[in-house]
Protein backbone atom coordinates (compact mmCIF):
# COMPACT_ATOMS: atom_id res chain seq x y z
CA UNK A 1 0.09 0.14 0.18
CA UNK A 2 1.31 3.09 -0.93
CA UNK A 3 1.81 5.76 1.35
CA UNK A 4 -1.70 7.66 -0.46
CA UNK A 5 -3.50 4.93 0.08
CA UNK A 6 -2.57 4.60 3.57
CA UNK A 7 -3.65 8.48 4.24
CA UNK A 8 -7.08 7.23 2.51
CA UNK A 9 -7.70 4.56 4.31
CA UNK A 10 -6.89 6.17 7.36
CA UNK A 11 -9.12 9.36 6.62
CA UNK A 12 -12.23 6.47 5.69
CA UNK A 13 -11.09 4.78 9.39
CA UNK A 14 -12.09 7.48 11.38
CA UNK A 15 -15.84 8.17 10.41
CA UNK A 16 -17.09 4.56 8.69
CA UNK A 17 -18.28 1.46 11.14
CA UNK A 18 -15.37 -0.40 12.27
CA UNK A 19 -16.22 -3.46 10.13
CA UNK A 20 -17.01 -1.47 6.86
CA UNK A 21 -13.45 -0.36 6.34
CA UNK A 22 -12.22 -2.35 4.31
CA UNK A 23 -15.03 -2.59 1.86
CA UNK A 24 -15.29 1.43 1.81
CA UNK A 25 -11.30 1.56 0.96
CA UNK A 26 -12.03 -0.94 -1.84
CA UNK A 27 -14.73 1.08 -3.47
CA UNK A 28 -11.77 4.23 -3.48
CA UNK A 29 -9.31 1.73 -5.03
CA UNK A 30 -11.13 0.34 -7.43
CA UNK A 31 -11.47 3.91 -8.80
CA UNK A 32 -9.84 6.89 -6.80
CA UNK A 33 -11.35 9.95 -6.49
CA UNK A 34 -10.61 13.13 -4.41
CA UNK A 35 -11.63 12.09 -0.73
CA UNK A 36 -12.37 15.50 0.87
CA UNK A 37 -13.91 15.47 4.85
CA UNK A 38 -16.18 18.31 4.64
CA UNK A 39 -17.57 20.99 7.85
CA UNK A 40 -21.28 20.55 8.41
CA UNK A 41 -23.70 22.15 6.15
CA UNK A 42 -27.25 22.05 6.28
CA UNK A 43 -27.80 22.00 2.85
CA UNK A 44 -26.31 18.68 2.14
CA UNK A 45 -24.29 15.92 3.34
CA UNK A 46 -22.10 15.18 0.55
CA UNK A 47 -21.45 15.85 -2.64
CA UNK A 48 -19.66 14.56 -5.92
CA UNK A 49 -17.97 17.07 -8.26
CA UNK A 50 -15.80 16.53 -12.07
CA UNK A 51 -14.10 19.47 -13.05
CA UNK A 52 -13.36 20.09 -16.65
CA UNK A 53 -9.57 19.30 -16.82
CA UNK A 54 -9.15 17.36 -13.82
CA UNK A 55 -8.20 13.75 -13.96
CA UNK A 56 -9.54 12.82 -10.41
CA UNK A 57 -13.71 13.94 -9.21
CA UNK A 58 -13.66 15.23 -5.64
CA UNK A 59 -16.12 13.43 -3.06
CA UNK A 60 -16.78 15.37 0.16
CA UNK A 61 -18.17 14.33 3.34
CA UNK A 62 -19.61 15.79 6.43
CA UNK A 63 -17.31 14.94 9.24
CA UNK A 64 -20.33 15.54 11.66
CA UNK A 65 -22.21 12.69 10.51
CA UNK A 66 -22.54 9.49 12.69
CA UNK A 67 -20.71 6.40 11.08
CA UNK A 68 -23.72 4.79 9.62
CA UNK A 69 -24.70 8.22 8.22
CA UNK A 70 -21.59 8.86 6.71
CA UNK A 71 -20.97 5.38 5.38
CA UNK A 72 -24.46 5.66 3.36
CA UNK A 73 -23.40 9.48 2.04
CA UNK A 74 -20.17 8.05 1.15
CA UNK A 75 -21.50 5.12 -1.11
CA UNK A 76 -24.22 7.67 -2.39
CA UNK A 77 -21.53 9.90 -3.48
CA UNK A 78 -19.41 6.79 -5.25
CA UNK A 79 -22.23 5.83 -7.29
CA UNK A 80 -22.13 9.50 -8.85
CA UNK A 81 -18.40 9.26 -9.28
CA UNK A 82 -19.12 5.57 -11.05
CA UNK A 83 -22.12 6.34 -13.01
CA UNK A 84 -20.25 10.02 -14.79
CA UNK A 85 -17.39 7.75 -15.46
CA UNK A 86 -19.66 5.43 -17.00
CA UNK A 87 -21.88 7.91 -18.97
CA UNK A 88 -19.77 11.01 -18.54
CA UNK A 89 -22.70 13.20 -17.90
CA UNK A 90 -25.01 12.11 -20.33
CA UNK A 91 -27.84 11.05 -17.70
CA UNK A 92 -29.65 12.69 -15.04
CA UNK A 93 -27.98 12.69 -11.97
CA UNK A 94 -30.57 10.11 -9.82
CA UNK A 95 -31.81 8.61 -12.90
CA UNK A 96 -32.10 4.89 -13.12
CA UNK A 97 -27.98 4.55 -14.09
CA UNK A 98 -27.24 5.88 -10.54
CA UNK A 99 -30.06 4.11 -8.99
CA UNK A 100 -28.65 0.64 -10.13
CA UNK A 101 -25.12 1.66 -9.43
CA UNK A 102 -25.96 2.80 -5.81
CA UNK A 103 -27.92 -0.39 -5.07
CA UNK A 104 -25.04 -2.63 -6.54
CA UNK A 105 -22.45 -0.97 -4.49
CA UNK A 106 -24.34 -0.96 -1.28
CA UNK A 107 -25.39 -4.52 -1.31
CA UNK A 108 -22.05 -5.59 0.36
CA UNK A 109 -22.36 -3.42 3.23
CA UNK A 110 -26.08 -4.35 4.30
CA UNK A 111 -25.27 -7.10 6.87
CA UNK A 112 -25.63 -6.98 10.56
CA UNK A 113 -21.74 -6.60 10.78
CA UNK A 114 -22.24 -3.31 9.76
CA UNK A 115 -25.25 -1.83 10.67
CA UNK A 116 -27.40 -1.77 13.80
CA UNK A 117 -30.83 -3.61 13.58
CA UNK A 118 -33.27 -0.28 13.44
CA UNK A 119 -31.11 0.88 11.19
CA UNK A 120 -30.43 -1.84 8.20
CA UNK A 121 -34.15 -2.85 8.49
CA UNK A 122 -34.82 0.77 7.51
CA UNK A 123 -32.14 0.34 5.25
CA UNK A 124 -33.03 -2.39 3.21
CA UNK A 125 -36.48 -0.91 2.31
CA UNK A 126 -34.90 2.19 1.30
CA UNK A 127 -32.24 0.22 -1.07
CA UNK A 128 -35.47 -1.17 -3.16
CA UNK A 129 -36.07 2.34 -4.57
CA UNK A 130 -33.43 4.67 -3.62
CA UNK A 131 -34.16 8.45 -3.76
CA UNK A 132 -31.82 11.55 -4.24
CA UNK A 133 -31.65 12.06 -0.49
CA UNK A 134 -31.70 9.34 2.28
CA UNK A 135 -33.07 11.65 4.54
CA UNK A 136 -36.05 11.94 2.38
CA UNK A 137 -36.94 8.30 3.76
CA UNK A 138 -38.62 9.56 7.15
CA UNK A 139 -37.94 5.83 8.56
CA UNK A 140 -34.41 5.54 7.73
CA UNK A 141 -33.48 9.12 8.63
CA UNK A 142 -35.13 8.56 12.60
CA UNK A 143 -33.03 5.34 12.76
CA UNK A 144 -29.92 7.23 11.31
CA UNK A 145 -30.96 10.07 14.01
CA UNK A 146 -30.85 7.31 16.76
CA UNK A 147 -27.25 7.29 16.41
CA UNK A 148 -26.18 10.63 16.30
CA UNK A 149 -24.57 12.15 19.61
CA UNK A 150 -26.96 13.18 21.76
CA UNK A 151 -28.39 17.01 22.56
CA UNK A 152 -31.29 16.78 25.23
CA UNK A 153 -31.90 20.38 24.18
CA UNK A 154 -32.55 19.62 20.21
CA UNK A 155 -35.67 17.89 18.72
CA UNK A 156 -36.02 17.62 14.94
CA UNK A 157 -38.14 20.18 12.92
CA UNK A 158 -40.56 17.58 12.24
CA UNK A 159 -41.75 17.91 15.58
CA UNK A 160 -42.29 21.78 15.85
CA UNK A 161 -45.36 22.66 15.92
CA UNK A 162 -46.51 25.42 12.85
CA UNK A 163 -45.97 29.02 14.04
CA UNK A 164 -43.42 27.91 17.30
CA UNK A 165 -39.87 29.61 16.31
CA UNK A 166 -36.97 27.92 16.75
CA UNK A 167 -33.21 27.97 16.88
CA UNK A 168 -30.95 26.96 13.86
CA UNK A 169 -27.21 27.69 13.38
CA UNK A 170 -27.34 30.73 15.78
CA UNK A 171 -30.84 32.38 14.04
CA UNK A 172 -33.84 32.37 15.08
CA UNK A 173 -36.64 31.13 12.60
CA UNK A 174 -40.30 30.57 12.73
CA UNK A 175 -42.06 27.21 11.68
CA UNK A 176 -44.60 27.62 8.23
CA UNK A 177 -46.23 24.94 6.35
CA UNK A 178 -44.51 21.86 5.58
CA UNK A 179 -43.83 20.26 2.17
CA UNK A 180 -42.72 16.82 1.26
CA UNK A 181 -39.71 16.46 2.66
CA UNK A 182 -38.83 20.12 3.60
CA UNK A 183 -40.39 23.26 5.34
CA UNK A 184 -41.10 26.64 5.03
CA UNK A 185 -39.45 28.90 7.54
CA UNK A 186 -39.24 32.52 8.10
CA UNK A 187 -36.24 34.12 9.70
CA UNK A 188 -37.35 36.17 12.20
CA UNK A 189 -34.46 39.20 11.84
CA UNK A 190 -34.73 39.63 7.86
CA UNK A 191 -37.86 38.02 7.03
CA UNK A 192 -36.81 36.14 4.71
CA UNK A 193 -38.38 32.72 3.82
CA UNK A 194 -36.14 29.20 3.63
CA UNK A 195 -36.60 25.78 3.18
CA UNK A 196 -35.29 23.70 5.88
CA UNK A 197 -35.21 19.50 5.84
CA UNK A 198 -37.93 18.79 8.19
CA UNK A 199 -35.84 16.09 9.68
CA UNK A 200 -33.07 19.20 10.77
CA UNK A 201 -32.30 19.01 14.57
CA UNK A 202 -33.42 22.81 16.13
CA UNK A 203 -33.55 24.06 19.50
CA UNK A 204 -37.36 24.86 20.19
CA UNK A 205 -37.38 28.68 21.70
């Protein structure tokens, strides 16, 4: 193993479940990419980018995810990488080509040795027809959230009643109508509206 491969292996091993490290590293080694651990972002858990003229694609995953969420996000983005390599951007980002690739890549990870029983049950159901965002599946999102570090002051936005105010990223918002996966929220200070994922963890006022 080269020095750079050891770096990537160590980087992966810090964030994914212990029994998944070798499988996760194998995905990288089969088709390498720049792997970046990103700071927490509310807008996304991870992303895939391929810039013109660059030899390697870039995959980022948020550093604040629990090991099971991190692994799922990592494989989700690797599936984008593999789909891009094969189709060169000629297919829909979350179309059938990506979906089939994601299903194939996730299958070896879907074991009780890697995921807890409650997460595995929700994950197996979700992977029958995976969507663009794993958190759009409420049962899977709840199961994954159960393994986040505990903060007794936080609840999910879904649990808050409409019209109630809450704090998110040191800003105060008011909850308005709920859409399919997101909630329309007004920032109290500016009066501007934002869409916040219904499973976002917030602090009620």
